[in-house]
Amino acid sequence: MTLRVGMLTSGGDAQGLNSTMRGVGRALLNAEQEV
């Protein structure tokens, strides 16, 4: 089963948001899911 995940942001500066999105993306890719 393939899980498709999307992430939305508010668009402004948010400390740590880039690293959080990167971590989520890498975890999903390691689990062989579609990002």
C-alpha atoms as a PDB file:
ATOM      1  CA  MET A   1       0.000   0.000   0.000  1.00  0.00           C
ATOM      2  CA  THR A   2       1.337   3.430  -0.937  1.00  0.00           C
ATOM      3  CA  LEU A   3       0.817   6.374   1.382  1.00  0.00           C
ATOM      4  CA  ARG A   4       0.776   9.812  -0.251  1.00  0.00           C
ATOM      5  CA  VAL A   5       1.611  12.682   2.091  1.00  0.00           C
ATOM      6  CA  GLY A   6       1.436  16.436   1.521  1.00  0.00           C
ATOM      7  CA  MET A   7       2.730  19.166   3.837  1.00  0.00           C
ATOM      8  CA  LEU A   8       1.341  22.697   3.989  1.00  0.00           C
ATOM      9  CA  THR A   9       3.038  25.693   5.579  1.00  0.00           C
ATOM     10  CA  SER A  10       1.781  29.151   6.452  1.00  0.00           C
ATOM     11  CA  GLY A  11       4.460  30.746   4.280  1.00  0.00           C
ATOM     12  CA  GLY A  12       6.218  32.956   6.826  1.00  0.00           C
ATOM     13  CA  ASP A  13       9.504  32.502   8.639  1.00  0.00           C
ATOM     14  CA  ALA A  14       9.278  29.725  11.183  1.00  0.00           C
ATOM     15  CA  GLN A  15      12.369  28.576  13.014  1.00  0.00           C
ATOM     16  CA  GLY A  16      13.044  24.891  12.425  1.00  0.00           C
ATOM     17  CA  LEU A  17      10.405  24.423   9.728  1.00  0.00           C
ATOM     18  CA  ASN A  18      12.890  23.523   6.980  1.00  0.00           C
ATOM     19  CA  SER A  19      14.595  20.866   9.082  1.00  0.00           C
ATOM     20  CA  THR A  20      11.235  19.476  10.190  1.00  0.00           C
ATOM     21  CA  MET A  21      10.024  19.148   6.607  1.00  0.00           C
ATOM     22  CA  ARG A  22      13.337  17.587   5.583  1.00  0.00           C
ATOM     23  CA  GLY A  23      13.121  15.067   8.422  1.00  0.00           C
ATOM     24  CA  VAL A  24       9.557  14.097   7.573  1.00  0.00           C
ATOM     25  CA  GLY A  25      10.438  13.786   3.894  1.00  0.00           C
ATOM     26  CA  ARG A  26      13.490  11.634   4.565  1.00  0.00           C
ATOM     27  CA  ALA A  27      11.569   9.381   6.948  1.00  0.00           C
ATOM     28  CA  LEU A  28       8.837   8.854   4.368  1.00  0.00           C
ATOM     29  CA  LEU A  29      11.334   8.179   1.586  1.00  0.00           C
ATOM     30  CA  ASN A  30      13.161   5.674   3.806  1.00  0.00           C
ATOM     31  CA  ALA A  31       9.808   3.959   4.363  1.00  0.00           C
ATOM     32  CA  GLU A  32       9.378   3.871   0.552  1.00  0.00           C
ATOM     33  CA  GLN A  33       6.369   6.197   0.579  1.00  0.00           C
ATOM     34  CA  GLU A  34       5.506   8.889  -1.976  1.00  0.00           C
ATOM     35  CA  VAL A  35       6.181  12.480  -0.969  1.00  0.00           C
END
